[in-house]
Amino acid sequence: MYLATSTIDSSDSEWISRIEQHRQRRPAHWTTLEVPVELATALRLHASPQTCLLVDSLGTWVANLLELDNARWNSTLSDLVLTISQTPGQLIFVAEETGWGVVPAYPIGRLFRDRLGTLTRQLGARAQAVYLVTGGHVLNLSLLGNKLPFSK
């Protein structure tokens, strides 16, 4: 099951075209759910020992929630992490890597970078395997490196 975190803006024809191209690349037998905000709820409702849920992407999900204040964001993040730890079946998360670039010069960009970085570190600390896909290559970071202890 494919959990898409994007939202469709009917006034953005280029974005609609990208989403359609993405849909066409997916196998026809995949079920797709659009989950722009309620990711933890969707995991609780649709996961089972026999399912594989692919969440694409965490960066888009974080961007959809940037208006949350820190208390609500931390609560949402905690709920997601707890849900993941209790979810049966296989979970695959796609996340953008934002920590390699320049620190954004504007507050919303720094907030996005920090929130996505925290989320991916928390999930990476709990994952059986973590892969980096770049330049058409896949690196299994779980085999190449050591987990760092998570700290906020």
C-alpha atoms as a PDB file:
ATOM      1  CA  MET A   1       0.000   0.000   0.000  1.00  0.00           C
ATOM      2  CA  TYR A   2       1.355   3.377  -1.050  1.00  0.00           C
ATOM      3  CA  LEU A   3       0.730   6.272   1.354  1.00  0.00           C
ATOM      4  CA  ALA A   4       1.113   9.527  -0.551  1.00  0.00           C
ATOM      5  CA  THR A   5       1.666  12.563   1.636  1.00  0.00           C
ATOM      6  CA  SER A   6       1.263  15.222  -1.035  1.00  0.00           C
ATOM      7  CA  THR A   7      -1.766  17.369  -1.536  1.00  0.00           C
ATOM      8  CA  ILE A   8      -3.107  18.349  -4.930  1.00  0.00           C
ATOM      9  CA  ASP A   9      -3.336  22.054  -5.681  1.00  0.00           C
ATOM     10  CA  SER A  10      -5.769  22.343  -8.593  1.00  0.00           C
ATOM     11  CA  SER A  11      -4.197  25.669  -9.608  1.00  0.00           C
ATOM     12  CA  ASP A  12      -0.720  24.123 -10.029  1.00  0.00           C
ATOM     13  CA  SER A  13      -0.763  22.233 -13.327  1.00  0.00           C
ATOM     14  CA  GLU A  14       2.941  21.375 -13.142  1.00  0.00           C
ATOM     15  CA  TRP A  15       2.476  19.712  -9.721  1.00  0.00           C
ATOM     16  CA  ILE A  16      -0.587  17.831 -10.986  1.00  0.00           C
ATOM     17  CA  SER A  17       1.486  16.574 -13.919  1.00  0.00           C
ATOM     18  CA  ARG A  18       4.255  15.383 -11.581  1.00  0.00           C
ATOM     19  CA  ILE A  19       1.780  13.539  -9.385  1.00  0.00           C
ATOM     20  CA  GLU A  20       0.192  11.884 -12.426  1.00  0.00           C
ATOM     21  CA  GLN A  21       3.588  10.745 -13.720  1.00  0.00           C
ATOM     22  CA  HIS A  22       4.344   9.326 -10.280  1.00  0.00           C
ATOM     23  CA  ARG A  23       1.018   7.472 -10.228  1.00  0.00           C
ATOM     24  CA  GLN A  24       1.696   5.961 -13.641  1.00  0.00           C
ATOM     25  CA  ARG A  25       5.077   4.606 -12.514  1.00  0.00           C
ATOM     26  CA  ARG A  26       3.533   2.682  -9.623  1.00  0.00           C
ATOM     27  CA  PRO A  27       2.409  -0.912 -10.187  1.00  0.00           C
ATOM     28  CA  ALA A  28      -1.311  -1.146 -10.963  1.00  0.00           C
ATOM     29  CA  HIS A  29      -1.895  -3.622  -8.116  1.00  0.00           C
ATOM     30  CA  TRP A  30      -0.749  -1.146  -5.456  1.00  0.00           C
ATOM     31  CA  THR A  31      -3.410   0.512  -3.356  1.00  0.00           C
ATOM     32  CA  THR A  32      -2.822   4.232  -2.906  1.00  0.00           C
ATOM     33  CA  LEU A  33      -3.996   6.309   0.022  1.00  0.00           C
ATOM     34  CA  GLU A  34      -3.556  10.066   0.148  1.00  0.00           C
ATOM     35  CA  VAL A  35      -2.443  10.932   3.665  1.00  0.00           C
ATOM     36  CA  PRO A  36      -1.217  14.528   3.786  1.00  0.00           C
ATOM     37  CA  VAL A  37      -1.601  14.943   7.573  1.00  0.00           C
ATOM     38  CA  GLU A  38      -2.997  11.966   9.525  1.00  0.00           C
ATOM     39  CA  LEU A  39      -0.086   9.601   8.937  1.00  0.00           C
ATOM     40  CA  ALA A  40      -0.144   7.891  12.349  1.00  0.00           C
ATOM     41  CA  THR A  41      -3.888   7.271  12.019  1.00  0.00           C
ATOM     42  CA  ALA A  42      -3.441   5.762   8.547  1.00  0.00           C
ATOM     43  CA  LEU A  43      -0.710   3.441   9.834  1.00  0.00           C
ATOM     44  CA  ARG A  44      -2.922   2.279  12.699  1.00  0.00           C
ATOM     45  CA  LEU A  45      -5.868   1.660  10.370  1.00  0.00           C
ATOM     46  CA  HIS A  46      -4.114  -0.040   7.458  1.00  0.00           C
ATOM     47  CA  ALA A  47      -1.146  -1.956   8.845  1.00  0.00           C
ATOM     48  CA  SER A  48      -1.300  -5.683   9.414  1.00  0.00           C
ATOM     49  CA  PRO A  49       1.310  -8.429   9.654  1.00  0.00           C
ATOM     50  CA  GLN A  50       0.703  -9.182   5.962  1.00  0.00           C
ATOM     51  CA  THR A  51       1.031  -5.604   4.667  1.00  0.00           C
ATOM     52  CA  CYS A  52       3.863  -3.488   3.424  1.00  0.00           C
ATOM     53  CA  LEU A  53       3.187   0.234   3.698  1.00  0.00           C
ATOM     54  CA  LEU A  54       5.351   2.631   1.679  1.00  0.00           C
ATOM     55  CA  VAL A  55       5.206   6.233   2.897  1.00  0.00           C
ATOM     56  CA  ASP A  56       6.330   8.776   0.313  1.00  0.00           C
ATOM     57  CA  SER A  57       7.495  11.223   1.505  1.00  0.00           C
ATOM     58  CA  LEU A  58       8.296  12.358   5.008  1.00  0.00           C
ATOM     59  CA  GLY A  59       9.512  15.736   3.760  1.00  0.00           C
ATOM     60  CA  THR A  60       6.150  16.472   2.195  1.00  0.00           C
ATOM     61  CA  TRP A  61       4.384  15.338   5.358  1.00  0.00           C
ATOM     62  CA  VAL A  62       6.560  17.640   7.478  1.00  0.00           C
ATOM     63  CA  ALA A  63       5.917  20.528   5.059  1.00  0.00           C
ATOM     64  CA  ASN A  64       2.164  19.943   5.408  1.00  0.00           C
ATOM     65  CA  LEU A  65       2.480  20.413   9.177  1.00  0.00           C
ATOM     66  CA  LEU A  66       4.811  23.411   9.367  1.00  0.00           C
ATOM     67  CA  GLU A  67       2.053  25.636  10.734  1.00  0.00           C
ATOM     68  CA  LEU A  68       1.891  23.568  13.935  1.00  0.00           C
ATOM     69  CA  ASP A  69       3.430  25.214  16.970  1.00  0.00           C
ATOM     70  CA  ASN A  70       6.260  23.342  18.681  1.00  0.00           C
ATOM     71  CA  ALA A  71       4.029  21.705  21.304  1.00  0.00           C
ATOM     72  CA  ARG A  72       1.591  20.348  18.705  1.00  0.00           C
ATOM     73  CA  TRP A  73       4.439  19.286  16.406  1.00  0.00           C
ATOM     74  CA  ASN A  74       6.186  17.418  19.230  1.00  0.00           C
ATOM     75  CA  SER A  75       2.924  15.696  20.138  1.00  0.00           C
ATOM     76  CA  THR A  76       2.311  14.726  16.495  1.00  0.00           C
ATOM     77  CA  LEU A  77       5.877  13.468  16.155  1.00  0.00           C
ATOM     78  CA  SER A  78       5.643  11.433  19.374  1.00  0.00           C
ATOM     79  CA  ASP A  79       2.350   9.907  18.225  1.00  0.00           C
ATOM     80  CA  LEU A  80       3.897   8.903  14.898  1.00  0.00           C
ATOM     81  CA  VAL A  81       7.005   7.375  16.471  1.00  0.00           C
ATOM     82  CA  LEU A  82       4.923   5.462  19.038  1.00  0.00           C
ATOM     83  CA  THR A  83       2.559   4.252  16.308  1.00  0.00           C
ATOM     84  CA  ILE A  84       5.478   3.039  14.202  1.00  0.00           C
ATOM     85  CA  SER A  85       6.912   1.099  17.141  1.00  0.00           C
ATOM     86  CA  GLN A  86       3.556  -0.679  17.562  1.00  0.00           C
ATOM     87  CA  THR A  87       2.727  -1.218  13.895  1.00  0.00           C
ATOM     88  CA  PRO A  88       2.719  -4.754  12.532  1.00  0.00           C
ATOM     89  CA  GLY A  89       3.898  -5.459   9.019  1.00  0.00           C
ATOM     90  CA  GLN A  90       6.623  -3.858   6.989  1.00  0.00           C
ATOM     91  CA  LEU A  91       7.025  -0.083   6.834  1.00  0.00           C
ATOM     92  CA  ILE A  92       9.156   1.738   4.276  1.00  0.00           C
ATOM     93  CA  PHE A  93       9.694   5.488   4.546  1.00  0.00           C
ATOM     94  CA  VAL A  94      11.044   7.788   1.863  1.00  0.00           C
ATOM     95  CA  ALA A  95      12.656  10.940   3.230  1.00  0.00           C
ATOM     96  CA  GLU A  96      14.548  13.768   1.637  1.00  0.00           C
ATOM     97  CA  GLU A  97      17.993  14.571   3.010  1.00  0.00           C
ATOM     98  CA  THR A  98      18.130  18.250   3.891  1.00  0.00           C
ATOM     99  CA  GLY A  99      21.095  18.356   6.245  1.00  0.00           C
ATOM    100  CA  TRP A 100      23.769  18.404   3.541  1.00  0.00           C
ATOM    101  CA  GLY A 101      22.932  21.798   2.152  1.00  0.00           C
ATOM    102  CA  VAL A 102      23.293  25.336   3.327  1.00  0.00           C
ATOM    103  CA  VAL A 103      21.296  26.183   6.451  1.00  0.00           C
ATOM    104  CA  PRO A 104      18.333  28.170   5.109  1.00  0.00           C
ATOM    105  CA  ALA A 105      18.469  31.915   5.666  1.00  0.00           C
ATOM    106  CA  TYR A 106      14.772  32.115   6.483  1.00  0.00           C
ATOM    107  CA  PRO A 107      12.946  30.793   9.576  1.00  0.00           C
ATOM    108  CA  ILE A 108      10.424  28.484   7.842  1.00  0.00           C
ATOM    109  CA  GLY A 109      13.236  26.786   5.914  1.00  0.00           C
ATOM    110  CA  ARG A 110      15.225  26.191   9.104  1.00  0.00           C
ATOM    111  CA  LEU A 111      12.102  24.870  10.835  1.00  0.00           C
ATOM    112  CA  PHE A 112      11.488  22.429   7.975  1.00  0.00           C
ATOM    113  CA  ARG A 113      15.115  21.283   7.979  1.00  0.00           C
ATOM    114  CA  ASP A 114      15.193  20.800  11.756  1.00  0.00           C
ATOM    115  CA  ARG A 115      11.863  18.964  11.933  1.00  0.00           C
ATOM    116  CA  LEU A 116      12.638  16.629   9.044  1.00  0.00           C
ATOM    117  CA  GLY A 117      16.120  15.973  10.426  1.00  0.00           C
ATOM    118  CA  THR A 118      14.737  15.099  13.851  1.00  0.00           C
ATOM    119  CA  LEU A 119      12.113  12.809  12.333  1.00  0.00           C
ATOM    120  CA  THR A 120      14.556  10.944  10.099  1.00  0.00           C
ATOM    121  CA  ARG A 121      17.053  10.510  12.958  1.00  0.00           C
ATOM    122  CA  GLN A 122      14.333   9.092  15.207  1.00  0.00           C
ATOM    123  CA  LEU A 123      13.121   6.673  12.535  1.00  0.00           C
ATOM    124  CA  GLY A 124      16.651   5.756  11.475  1.00  0.00           C
ATOM    125  CA  ALA A 125      17.528   4.879  15.075  1.00  0.00           C
ATOM    126  CA  ARG A 126      14.637   2.392  15.115  1.00  0.00           C
ATOM    127  CA  ALA A 127      14.897   1.025  11.574  1.00  0.00           C
ATOM    128  CA  GLN A 128      16.195  -2.416  10.684  1.00  0.00           C
ATOM    129  CA  ALA A 129      17.913  -0.916   7.662  1.00  0.00           C
ATOM    130  CA  VAL A 130      18.566   2.584   6.342  1.00  0.00           C
ATOM    131  CA  TYR A 131      19.433   3.226   2.700  1.00  0.00           C
ATOM    132  CA  LEU A 132      20.751   6.307   0.969  1.00  0.00           C
ATOM    133  CA  VAL A 133      19.763   6.647  -2.686  1.00  0.00           C
ATOM    134  CA  THR A 134      21.732   9.226  -4.618  1.00  0.00           C
ATOM    135  CA  GLY A 135      23.063   9.610  -8.124  1.00  0.00           C
ATOM    136  CA  GLY A 136      21.397   6.385  -9.238  1.00  0.00           C
ATOM    137  CA  HIS A 137      23.110   4.333  -6.528  1.00  0.00           C
ATOM    138  CA  VAL A 138      21.884   2.723  -3.333  1.00  0.00           C
ATOM    139  CA  LEU A 139      24.023   2.573  -0.209  1.00  0.00           C
ATOM    140  CA  ASN A 140      22.997   0.419   2.732  1.00  0.00           C
ATOM    141  CA  LEU A 141      24.000   2.714   5.572  1.00  0.00           C
ATOM    142  CA  SER A 142      23.127   0.031   8.102  1.00  0.00           C
ATOM    143  CA  LEU A 143      26.004  -2.094   6.785  1.00  0.00           C
ATOM    144  CA  LEU A 144      28.430   0.762   6.165  1.00  0.00           C
ATOM    145  CA  GLY A 145      28.122   2.686   9.400  1.00  0.00           C
ATOM    146  CA  ASN A 146      27.201   2.586  13.051  1.00  0.00           C
ATOM    147  CA  LYS A 147      24.050   3.968  14.623  1.00  0.00           C
ATOM    148  CA  LEU A 148      24.572   7.081  16.656  1.00  0.00           C
ATOM    149  CA  PRO A 149      22.580   7.471  19.854  1.00  0.00           C
ATOM    150  CA  PHE A 150      19.596   9.722  19.276  1.00  0.00           C
ATOM    151  CA  SER A 151      19.545  12.984  21.145  1.00  0.00           C
ATOM    152  CA  LYS A 152      17.289  15.980  20.626  1.00  0.00           C
END
